[in-house]
PDB file of N, CA and C in Angstrom:
ATOM      1  N   UNK A   1      52.813  16.576  20.769  1.00  0.00           N
ATOM      2  CA  UNK A   1      52.641  15.743  20.755  1.00  0.00           C
ATOM      3  C   UNK A   1      51.369  15.751  21.843  1.00  0.00           C
ATOM      4  N   UNK A   2      51.115  15.937  22.857  1.00  0.00           N
ATOM      5  CA  UNK A   2      49.624  16.162  23.290  1.00  0.00           C
ATOM      6  C   UNK A   2      48.835  17.247  22.566  1.00  0.00           C
ATOM      7  N   UNK A   3      48.895  17.852  21.945  1.00  0.00           N
ATOM      8  CA  UNK A   3      48.132  18.826  21.488  1.00  0.00           C
ATOM      9  C   UNK A   3      47.634  18.374  19.915  1.00  0.00           C
ATOM     10  N   UNK A   4      48.497  17.472  19.408  1.00  0.00           N
ATOM     11  CA  UNK A   4      47.909  16.446  18.203  1.00  0.00           C
ATOM     12  C   UNK A   4      46.650  15.136  19.042  1.00  0.00           C
ATOM     13  N   UNK A   5      47.396  15.144  19.835  1.00  0.00           N
ATOM     14  CA  UNK A   5      46.616  13.794  20.069  1.00  0.00           C
ATOM     15  C   UNK A   5      45.039  14.521  20.680  1.00  0.00           C
ATOM     16  N   UNK A   6      44.728  15.245  21.896  1.00  0.00           N
ATOM     17  CA  UNK A   6      43.686  16.300  21.884  1.00  0.00           C
ATOM     18  C   UNK A   6      42.616  16.067  20.762  1.00  0.00           C
ATOM     19  N   UNK A   7      43.726  17.239  19.549  1.00  0.00           N
ATOM     20  CA  UNK A   7      43.310  17.317  18.538  1.00  0.00           C
ATOM     21  C   UNK A   7      42.184  16.444  17.318  1.00  0.00           C
ATOM     22  N   UNK A   8      43.627  14.832  17.861  1.00  0.00           N
ATOM     23  CA  UNK A   8      42.849  13.942  16.992  1.00  0.00           C
ATOM     24  C   UNK A   8      41.835  13.313  18.294  1.00  0.00           C
ATOM     25  N   UNK A   9      41.342  13.589  19.304  1.00  0.00           N
ATOM     26  CA  UNK A   9      39.785  12.910  19.962  1.00  0.00           C
ATOM     27  C   UNK A   9      39.476  13.853  19.854  1.00  0.00           C
ATOM     28  N   UNK A  10      39.367  15.163  19.501  1.00  0.00           N
ATOM     29  CA  UNK A  10      38.406  16.227  19.497  1.00  0.00           C
ATOM     30  C   UNK A  10      37.365  16.027  17.908  1.00  0.00           C
ATOM     31  N   UNK A  11      38.337  15.470  16.347  1.00  0.00           N
ATOM     32  CA  UNK A  11      38.324  15.842  15.683  1.00  0.00           C
ATOM     33  C   UNK A  11      37.410  14.018  15.462  1.00  0.00           C
ATOM     34  N   UNK A  12      37.510  12.562  16.533  1.00  0.00           N
ATOM     35  CA  UNK A  12      37.158  11.348  16.329  1.00  0.00           C
ATOM     36  C   UNK A  12      35.399  11.258  17.023  1.00  0.00           C
ATOM     37  N   UNK A  13      35.758  12.653  18.563  1.00  0.00           N
ATOM     38  CA  UNK A  13      34.685  12.817  19.030  1.00  0.00           C
ATOM     39  C   UNK A  13      33.324  13.779  17.791  1.00  0.00           C
ATOM     40  N   UNK A  14      34.060  15.058  17.107  1.00  0.00           N
ATOM     41  CA  UNK A  14      33.115  15.346  16.595  1.00  0.00           C
ATOM     42  C   UNK A  14      32.444  14.648  15.260  1.00  0.00           C
ATOM     43  N   UNK A  15      33.540  13.128  15.248  1.00  0.00           N
ATOM     44  CA  UNK A  15      32.791  12.502  13.935  1.00  0.00           C
ATOM     45  C   UNK A  15      31.305  11.269  14.132  1.00  0.00           C
ATOM     46  N   UNK A  16      32.139  11.053  15.614  1.00  0.00           N
ATOM     47  CA  UNK A  16      31.074  10.075  16.296  1.00  0.00           C
ATOM     48  C   UNK A  16      30.183  10.799  16.177  1.00  0.00           C
ATOM     49  N   UNK A  17      30.183  12.269  16.907  1.00  0.00           N
ATOM     50  CA  UNK A  17      28.156  12.836  17.303  1.00  0.00           C
ATOM     51  C   UNK A  17      27.752  13.250  15.833  1.00  0.00           C
ATOM     52  N   UNK A  18      28.425  13.633  14.632  1.00  0.00           N
ATOM     53  CA  UNK A  18      27.782  13.580  13.437  1.00  0.00           C
ATOM     54  C   UNK A  18      27.363  12.099  12.968  1.00  0.00           C
ATOM     55  N   UNK A  19      28.260  10.405  13.197  1.00  0.00           N
ATOM     56  CA  UNK A  19      27.205   9.894  12.632  1.00  0.00           C
ATOM     57  C   UNK A  19      26.387   9.046  13.198  1.00  0.00           C
ATOM     58  N   UNK A  20      26.355   9.567  14.774  1.00  0.00           N
ATOM     59  CA  UNK A  20      24.955   9.208  15.255  1.00  0.00           C
ATOM     60  C   UNK A  20      23.921   9.959  15.168  1.00  0.00           C
ATOM     61  N   UNK A  21      24.006  11.657  14.881  1.00  0.00           N
ATOM     62  CA  UNK A  21      22.814  11.900  14.394  1.00  0.00           C
ATOM     63  C   UNK A  21      22.479  11.168  13.115  1.00  0.00           C
ATOM     64  N   UNK A  22      23.314  11.073  11.841  1.00  0.00           N
ATOM     65  CA  UNK A  22      23.013  10.252  10.984  1.00  0.00           C
ATOM     66  C   UNK A  22      22.350   9.260  11.612  1.00  0.00           C
ATOM     67  N   UNK A  23      22.398   8.352  12.168  1.00  0.00           N
ATOM     68  CA  UNK A  23      21.999   6.665  12.229  1.00  0.00           C
ATOM     69  C   UNK A  23      20.676   7.196  12.699  1.00  0.00           C
ATOM     70  N   UNK A  24      20.691   7.965  13.848  1.00  0.00           N
ATOM     71  CA  UNK A  24      19.202   8.790  14.294  1.00  0.00           C
ATOM     72  C   UNK A  24      18.196   8.695  13.418  1.00  0.00           C
ATOM     73  N   UNK A  25      18.753   9.654  12.474  1.00  0.00           N
ATOM     74  CA  UNK A  25      17.797  10.352  11.413  1.00  0.00           C
ATOM     75  C   UNK A  25      17.321   9.076  10.567  1.00  0.00           C
ATOM     76  N   UNK A  26      18.138   8.114  10.174  1.00  0.00           N
ATOM     77  CA  UNK A  26      18.024   6.394   9.184  1.00  0.00           C
ATOM     78  C   UNK A  26      16.911   6.038  10.374  1.00  0.00           C
ATOM     79  N   UNK A  27      16.903   5.935  11.446  1.00  0.00           N
ATOM     80  CA  UNK A  27      16.136   5.151  12.515  1.00  0.00           C
ATOM     81  C   UNK A  27      14.938   6.083  12.362  1.00  0.00           C
ATOM     82  N   UNK A  28      14.710   7.153  12.606  1.00  0.00           N
ATOM     83  CA  UNK A  28      13.610   7.846  11.951  1.00  0.00           C
ATOM     84  C   UNK A  28      13.018   7.435  11.114  1.00  0.00           C
ATOM     85  N   UNK A  29      13.390   7.707  10.144  1.00  0.00           N
ATOM     86  CA  UNK A  29      13.473   7.880   8.731  1.00  0.00           C
ATOM     87  C   UNK A  29      12.807   5.951   8.297  1.00  0.00           C
ATOM     88  N   UNK A  30      13.740   4.896   8.899  1.00  0.00           N
ATOM     89  CA  UNK A  30      13.464   3.709   9.048  1.00  0.00           C
ATOM     90  C   UNK A  30      11.613   3.576   9.710  1.00  0.00           C
ATOM     91  N   UNK A  31      11.716   4.018  10.590  1.00  0.00           N
ATOM     92  CA  UNK A  31      10.607   4.014  11.616  1.00  0.00           C
ATOM     93  C   UNK A  31       9.528   4.393  10.725  1.00  0.00           C
ATOM     94  N   UNK A  32       9.417   5.603  10.134  1.00  0.00           N
ATOM     95  CA  UNK A  32       8.571   5.944   9.338  1.00  0.00           C
ATOM     96  C   UNK A  32       8.156   5.010   8.197  1.00  0.00           C
ATOM     97  N   UNK A  33       8.846   4.865   7.171  1.00  0.00           N
ATOM     98  CA  UNK A  33       9.114   3.924   6.559  1.00  0.00           C
ATOM     99  C   UNK A  33       7.767   2.700   6.620  1.00  0.00           C
ATOM    100  N   UNK A  34       8.475   2.109   8.085  1.00  0.00           N
ATOM    101  CA  UNK A  34       7.509   1.159   7.895  1.00  0.00           C
ATOM    102  C   UNK A  34       6.086   1.453   8.582  1.00  0.00           C
ATOM    103  N   UNK A  35       5.655   2.612   8.794  1.00  0.00           N
ATOM    104  CA  UNK A  35       4.442   2.806   9.450  1.00  0.00           C
ATOM    105  C   UNK A  35       4.090   2.631   7.427  1.00  0.00           C
ATOM    106  N   UNK A  36       4.502   2.994   7.547  1.00  0.00           N
ATOM    107  CA  UNK A  36       4.021   3.466   5.897  1.00  0.00           C
ATOM    108  C   UNK A  36       3.499   1.905   4.856  1.00  0.00           C
ATOM    109  N   UNK A  37       4.297   1.468   5.469  1.00  0.00           N
ATOM    110  CA  UNK A  37       4.100  -0.027   4.542  1.00  0.00           C
ATOM    111  C   UNK A  37       3.583  -1.046   5.842  1.00  0.00           C
ATOM    112  N   UNK A  38       2.964  -0.903   7.009  1.00  0.00           N
ATOM    113  CA  UNK A  38       1.846  -1.567   7.694  1.00  0.00           C
ATOM    114  C   UNK A  38       0.481  -1.364   6.785  1.00  0.00           C
ATOM    115  N   UNK A  39       0.567   0.600   6.461  1.00  0.00           N
ATOM    116  CA  UNK A  39      -0.380   0.823   5.892  1.00  0.00           C
ATOM    117  C   UNK A  39      -0.676   0.677   4.181  1.00  0.00           C
ATOM    118  N   UNK A  40       0.059   0.446   3.827  1.00  0.00           N
ATOM    119  CA  UNK A  40      -0.227   0.184   2.469  1.00  0.00           C
ATOM    120  C   UNK A  40      -0.591  -1.462   1.922  1.00  0.00           C
ATOM    121  N   UNK A  41      -0.450  -2.574   3.469  1.00  0.00           N
ATOM    122  CA  UNK A  41      -0.299  -3.165   3.856  1.00  0.00           C
ATOM    123  C   UNK A  41      -1.959  -3.856   3.897  1.00  0.00           C
ATOM    124  N   UNK A  42      -2.533  -2.971   4.257  1.00  0.00           N
ATOM    125  CA  UNK A  42      -3.609  -3.161   5.215  1.00  0.00           C
ATOM    126  C   UNK A  42      -4.712  -2.466   4.319  1.00  0.00           C
ATOM    127  N   UNK A  43      -3.977  -1.384   3.213  1.00  0.00           N
ATOM    128  CA  UNK A  43      -5.029  -1.223   2.154  1.00  0.00           C
ATOM    129  C   UNK A  43      -5.041  -2.634   1.297  1.00  0.00           C
ATOM    130  N   UNK A  44      -4.459  -3.068   0.876  1.00  0.00           N
ATOM    131  CA  UNK A  44      -3.924  -4.270  -0.385  1.00  0.00           C
ATOM    132  C   UNK A  44      -5.282  -4.943   0.870  1.00  0.00           C
ATOM    133  N   UNK A  45      -4.814  -5.575   1.791  1.00  0.00           N
ATOM    134  CA  UNK A  45      -5.465  -6.321   2.396  1.00  0.00           C
ATOM    135  C   UNK A  45      -7.300  -6.262   2.117  1.00  0.00           C
ATOM    136  N   UNK A  46      -7.625  -5.395   1.991  1.00  0.00           N
ATOM    137  CA  UNK A  46      -9.207  -4.225   1.908  1.00  0.00           C
ATOM    138  C   UNK A  46      -9.403  -4.216   0.111  1.00  0.00           C
ATOM    139  N   UNK A  47      -8.715  -4.347  -0.268  1.00  0.00           N
ATOM    140  CA  UNK A  47      -9.010  -3.853  -1.790  1.00  0.00           C
ATOM    141  C   UNK A  47      -8.599  -5.679  -2.292  1.00  0.00           C
ATOM    142  N   UNK A  48      -7.859  -6.356  -1.344  1.00  0.00           N
ATOM    143  CA  UNK A  48      -8.523  -7.814  -1.870  1.00  0.00           C
ATOM    144  C   UNK A  48      -9.899  -8.732  -1.619  1.00  0.00           C
ATOM    145  N   UNK A  49      -9.968  -8.090  -0.524  1.00  0.00           N
ATOM    146  CA  UNK A  49     -11.562  -8.365  -0.103  1.00  0.00           C
ATOM    147  C   UNK A  49     -12.728  -7.583  -0.229  1.00  0.00           C
ATOM    148  N   UNK A  50     -12.427  -6.337  -1.717  1.00  0.00           N
ATOM    149  CA  UNK A  50     -13.460  -6.350  -1.576  1.00  0.00           C
ATOM    150  C   UNK A  50     -13.488  -6.503  -2.896  1.00  0.00           C
ATOM    151  N   UNK A  51     -12.084  -7.149  -3.564  1.00  0.00           N
ATOM    152  CA  UNK A  51     -12.463  -7.277  -5.235  1.00  0.00           C
ATOM    153  C   UNK A  51     -12.744  -9.367  -5.105  1.00  0.00           C
ATOM    154  N   UNK A  52     -12.551  -9.607  -3.991  1.00  0.00           N
ATOM    155  CA  UNK A  52     -13.277 -11.069  -3.437  1.00  0.00           C
ATOM    156  C   UNK A  52     -15.079 -10.842  -3.573  1.00  0.00           C
ATOM    157  N   UNK A  53     -15.363  -9.943  -3.060  1.00  0.00           N
ATOM    158  CA  UNK A  53     -16.469  -9.376  -2.644  1.00  0.00           C
ATOM    159  C   UNK A  53     -17.595  -9.084  -4.276  1.00  0.00           C
ATOM    160  N   UNK A  54     -16.712  -8.191  -4.925  1.00  0.00           N
ATOM    161  CA  UNK A  54     -17.147  -7.790  -6.144  1.00  0.00           C
ATOM    162  C   UNK A  54     -17.250  -9.319  -7.441  1.00  0.00           C
ATOM    163  N   UNK A  55     -16.508  -9.936  -6.766  1.00  0.00           N
ATOM    164  CA  UNK A  55     -16.330 -11.067  -7.676  1.00  0.00           C
ATOM    165  C   UNK A  55     -17.507 -12.535  -7.373  1.00  0.00           C
ATOM    166  N   UNK A  56     -18.027 -12.221  -6.336  1.00  0.00           N
ATOM    167  CA  UNK A  56     -19.254 -13.071  -5.719  1.00  0.00           C
ATOM    168  C   UNK A  56     -20.015 -11.952  -5.994  1.00  0.00           C
ATOM    169  N   UNK A  57     -20.413 -11.062  -6.458  1.00  0.00           N
ATOM    170  CA  UNK A  57     -21.102 -10.909  -6.591  1.00  0.00           C
ATOM    171  C   UNK A  57     -21.572 -10.776  -8.375  1.00  0.00           C
ATOM    172  N   UNK A  58     -20.734 -10.528  -9.039  1.00  0.00           N
ATOM    173  CA  UNK A  58     -20.862 -10.609 -10.696  1.00  0.00           C
ATOM    174  C   UNK A  58     -21.093 -11.998 -10.921  1.00  0.00           C
ATOM    175  N   UNK A  59     -20.446 -13.067  -9.920  1.00  0.00           N
ATOM    176  CA  UNK A  59     -20.897 -14.378 -10.417  1.00  0.00           C
ATOM    177  C   UNK A  59     -22.597 -14.430 -10.065  1.00  0.00           C
ATOM    178  N   UNK A  60     -23.460 -14.000  -8.897  1.00  0.00           N
ATOM    179  CA  UNK A  60     -24.597 -14.134  -8.682  1.00  0.00           C
ATOM    180  C   UNK A  60     -25.560 -13.015 -10.153  1.00  0.00           C
ATOM    181  N   UNK A  61     -25.207 -11.891 -10.345  1.00  0.00           N
ATOM    182  CA  UNK A  61     -25.302 -11.185 -11.337  1.00  0.00           C
ATOM    183  C   UNK A  61     -25.521 -12.277 -12.397  1.00  0.00           C
ATOM    184  N   UNK A  62     -24.502 -12.919 -13.167  1.00  0.00           N
ATOM    185  CA  UNK A  62     -23.834 -14.112 -14.236  1.00  0.00           C
ATOM    186  C   UNK A  62     -25.512 -14.429 -14.191  1.00  0.00           C
ATOM    187  N   UNK A  63     -25.251 -15.430 -12.680  1.00  0.00           N
ATOM    188  CA  UNK A  63     -26.375 -16.372 -12.843  1.00  0.00           C
ATOM    189  C   UNK A  63     -27.561 -15.625 -12.785  1.00  0.00           C
ATOM    190  N   UNK A  64     -28.455 -14.583 -12.302  1.00  0.00           N
ATOM    191  CA  UNK A  64     -29.186 -14.016 -12.520  1.00  0.00           C
ATOM    192  C   UNK A  64     -29.909 -14.023 -13.751  1.00  0.00           C
ATOM    193  N   UNK A  65     -28.675 -12.978 -14.787  1.00  0.00           N
ATOM    194  CA  UNK A  65     -28.716 -12.650 -16.006  1.00  0.00           C
ATOM    195  C   UNK A  65     -29.166 -14.289 -17.042  1.00  0.00           C
ATOM    196  N   UNK A  66     -28.598 -15.068 -16.445  1.00  0.00           N
ATOM    197  CA  UNK A  66     -28.838 -16.487 -17.129  1.00  0.00           C
ATOM    198  C   UNK A  66     -30.632 -17.250 -17.308  1.00  0.00           C
ATOM    199  N   UNK A  67     -31.160 -16.559 -16.355  1.00  0.00           N
ATOM    200  CA  UNK A  67     -32.635 -16.818 -15.477  1.00  0.00           C
ATOM    201  C   UNK A  67     -33.411 -15.615 -16.268  1.00  0.00           C
ATOM    202  N   UNK A  68     -33.118 -14.840 -16.159  1.00  0.00           N
ATOM    203  CA  UNK A  68     -34.180 -13.319 -16.539  1.00  0.00           C
ATOM    204  C   UNK A  68     -34.121 -13.066 -17.376  1.00  0.00           C
ATOM    205  N   UNK A  69     -35.095 -11.917 -17.301  1.00  0.00           N
ATOM    206  CA  UNK A  69     -35.932 -11.432 -19.320  1.00  0.00           C
ATOM    207  C   UNK A  69     -34.939 -10.186 -19.791  1.00  0.00           C
ATOM    208  N   UNK A  70     -35.191 -10.209 -21.153  1.00  0.00           N
ATOM    209  CA  UNK A  70     -34.168  -9.207 -22.176  1.00  0.00           C
ATOM    210  C   UNK A  70     -33.624  -8.211 -21.631  1.00  0.00           C
ATOM    211  N   UNK A  71     -34.691  -7.581 -20.622  1.00  0.00           N
ATOM    212  CA  UNK A  71     -34.971  -6.206 -20.086  1.00  0.00           C
ATOM    213  C   UNK A  71     -33.923  -6.471 -18.623  1.00  0.00           C
ATOM    214  N   UNK A  72     -33.926  -7.555 -17.581  1.00  0.00           N
ATOM    215  CA  UNK A  72     -33.400  -7.323 -16.468  1.00  0.00           C
ATOM    216  C   UNK A  72     -31.994  -8.060 -17.119  1.00  0.00           C
ATOM    217  N   UNK A  73     -31.867  -8.605 -17.999  1.00  0.00           N
ATOM    218  CA  UNK A  73     -30.550  -8.816 -18.575  1.00  0.00           C
ATOM    219  C   UNK A  73     -29.736  -7.376 -19.009  1.00  0.00           C
ATOM    220  N   UNK A  74     -30.417  -6.633 -19.550  1.00  0.00           N
ATOM    221  CA  UNK A  74     -29.398  -5.508 -20.135  1.00  0.00           C
ATOM    222  C   UNK A  74     -29.257  -4.623 -18.437  1.00  0.00           C
ATOM    223  N   UNK A  75     -29.778  -4.887 -17.584  1.00  0.00           N
ATOM    224  CA  UNK A  75     -29.799  -4.065 -16.068  1.00  0.00           C
ATOM    225  C   UNK A  75     -28.634  -4.630 -15.319  1.00  0.00           C
ATOM    226  N   UNK A  76     -28.636  -5.938 -16.017  1.00  0.00           N
ATOM    227  CA  UNK A  76     -27.366  -6.670 -14.778  1.00  0.00           C
ATOM    228  C   UNK A  76     -26.567  -6.420 -15.856  1.00  0.00           C
ATOM    229  N   UNK A  77     -26.080  -6.646 -17.063  1.00  0.00           N
ATOM    230  CA  UNK A  77     -24.585  -6.290 -17.647  1.00  0.00           C
ATOM    231  C   UNK A  77     -24.253  -5.249 -17.212  1.00  0.00           C
ATOM    232  N   UNK A  78     -25.424  -3.822 -17.697  1.00  0.00           N
ATOM    233  CA  UNK A  78     -24.523  -2.838 -16.475  1.00  0.00           C
ATOM    234  C   UNK A  78     -24.430  -3.236 -15.057  1.00  0.00           C
ATOM    235  N   UNK A  79     -24.843  -3.552 -14.501  1.00  0.00           N
ATOM    236  CA  UNK A  79     -24.650  -3.754 -12.769  1.00  0.00           C
ATOM    237  C   UNK A  79     -23.075  -4.451 -12.863  1.00  0.00           C
ATOM    238  N   UNK A  80     -22.873  -5.389 -13.946  1.00  0.00           N
ATOM    239  CA  UNK A  80     -22.048  -6.311 -14.165  1.00  0.00           C
ATOM    240  C   UNK A  80     -20.801  -5.814 -14.993  1.00  0.00           C
ATOM    241  N   UNK A  81     -20.759  -4.501 -15.543  1.00  0.00           N
ATOM    242  CA  UNK A  81     -19.971  -3.597 -16.278  1.00  0.00           C
ATOM    243  C   UNK A  81     -19.134  -2.410 -14.690  1.00  0.00           C
ATOM    244  N   UNK A  82     -20.237  -2.202 -14.163  1.00  0.00           N
ATOM    245  CA  UNK A  82     -20.052  -1.168 -12.714  1.00  0.00           C
ATOM    246  C   UNK A  82     -19.206  -2.233 -12.150  1.00  0.00           C
ATOM    247  N   UNK A  83     -19.735  -3.146 -11.801  1.00  0.00           N
ATOM    248  CA  UNK A  83     -18.699  -3.662 -10.852  1.00  0.00           C
ATOM    249  C   UNK A  83     -17.310  -4.222 -11.163  1.00  0.00           C
ATOM    250  N   UNK A  84     -16.504  -4.292 -12.796  1.00  0.00           N
ATOM    251  CA  UNK A  84     -15.816  -5.057 -13.011  1.00  0.00           C
ATOM    252  C   UNK A  84     -14.974  -3.592 -12.925  1.00  0.00           C
ATOM    253  N   UNK A  85     -15.786  -2.120 -13.265  1.00  0.00           N
ATOM    254  CA  UNK A  85     -15.339  -0.954 -13.277  1.00  0.00           C
ATOM    255  C   UNK A  85     -14.409  -0.916 -11.953  1.00  0.00           C
ATOM    256  N   UNK A  86     -15.324  -1.120 -10.302  1.00  0.00           N
ATOM    257  CA  UNK A  86     -14.921  -0.935  -9.871  1.00  0.00           C
ATOM    258  C   UNK A  86     -13.583  -1.747  -9.652  1.00  0.00           C
ATOM    259  N   UNK A  87     -13.584  -3.145  -9.771  1.00  0.00           N
ATOM    260  CA  UNK A  87     -12.524  -4.243  -9.389  1.00  0.00           C
ATOM    261  C   UNK A  87     -11.137  -3.708 -10.195  1.00  0.00           C
ATOM    262  N   UNK A  88     -11.275  -3.449 -11.481  1.00  0.00           N
ATOM    263  CA  UNK A  88     -10.018  -2.275 -11.998  1.00  0.00           C
ATOM    264  C   UNK A  88      -9.418  -1.451 -10.884  1.00  0.00           C
ATOM    265  N   UNK A  89     -10.416  -0.589 -10.872  1.00  0.00           N
ATOM    266  CA  UNK A  89     -10.165   0.392 -10.186  1.00  0.00           C
ATOM    267  C   UNK A  89      -8.858  -0.246  -8.429  1.00  0.00           C
ATOM    268  N   UNK A  90      -9.698  -1.263  -8.248  1.00  0.00           N
ATOM    269  CA  UNK A  90      -8.821  -2.098  -7.050  1.00  0.00           C
ATOM    270  C   UNK A  90      -7.484  -2.911  -7.408  1.00  0.00           C
ATOM    271  N   UNK A  91      -7.391  -2.611  -8.722  1.00  0.00           N
ATOM    272  CA  UNK A  91      -6.157  -3.378  -9.288  1.00  0.00           C
ATOM    273  C   UNK A  91      -5.271  -2.138  -9.154  1.00  0.00           C
ATOM    274  N   UNK A  92      -5.603  -1.374  -9.945  1.00  0.00           N
ATOM    275  CA  UNK A  92      -4.577  -0.001  -9.934  1.00  0.00           C
ATOM    276  C   UNK A  92      -4.279   0.332  -8.655  1.00  0.00           C
ATOM    277  N   UNK A  93      -4.960   0.195  -7.754  1.00  0.00           N
ATOM    278  CA  UNK A  93      -4.811   0.750  -6.093  1.00  0.00           C
ATOM    279  C   UNK A  93      -3.784  -0.696  -5.814  1.00  0.00           C
ATOM    280  N   UNK A  94      -3.822  -1.460  -6.292  1.00  0.00           N
ATOM    281  CA  UNK A  94      -2.541  -2.663  -5.428  1.00  0.00           C
ATOM    282  C   UNK A  94      -1.707  -2.813  -6.294  1.00  0.00           C
ATOM    283  N   UNK A  95      -1.508  -1.996  -7.961  1.00  0.00           N
ATOM    284  CA  UNK A  95      -0.525  -1.670  -8.482  1.00  0.00           C
ATOM    285  C   UNK A  95       0.333  -0.538  -8.498  1.00  0.00           C
ATOM    286  N   UNK A  96      -0.428   0.234  -7.287  1.00  0.00           N
ATOM    287  CA  UNK A  96       0.542   1.585  -7.231  1.00  0.00           C
ATOM    288  C   UNK A  96       1.014   1.485  -5.516  1.00  0.00           C
TER     289      UNK A  96
END
């Protein structure tokens, strides 16, 4: 009976150690994931700021093109197209 009790205690200790290692491993993984989430949130914040800036630039270009000649207008449209592409890239980054 005493030997069985010792064996049960040894099994319990082994199970405890195994679960403790698993918990430590999961805690480390959680810490890594938290760091990744913080990093991605910063990237999202920067992209949102960039989108806001680009939208302001688009508005300014549209105003300029409304008051400019046809040759200037085509250049402004090309600039707007470029800015729209940059905005689309930021949106894709936000969605991923």
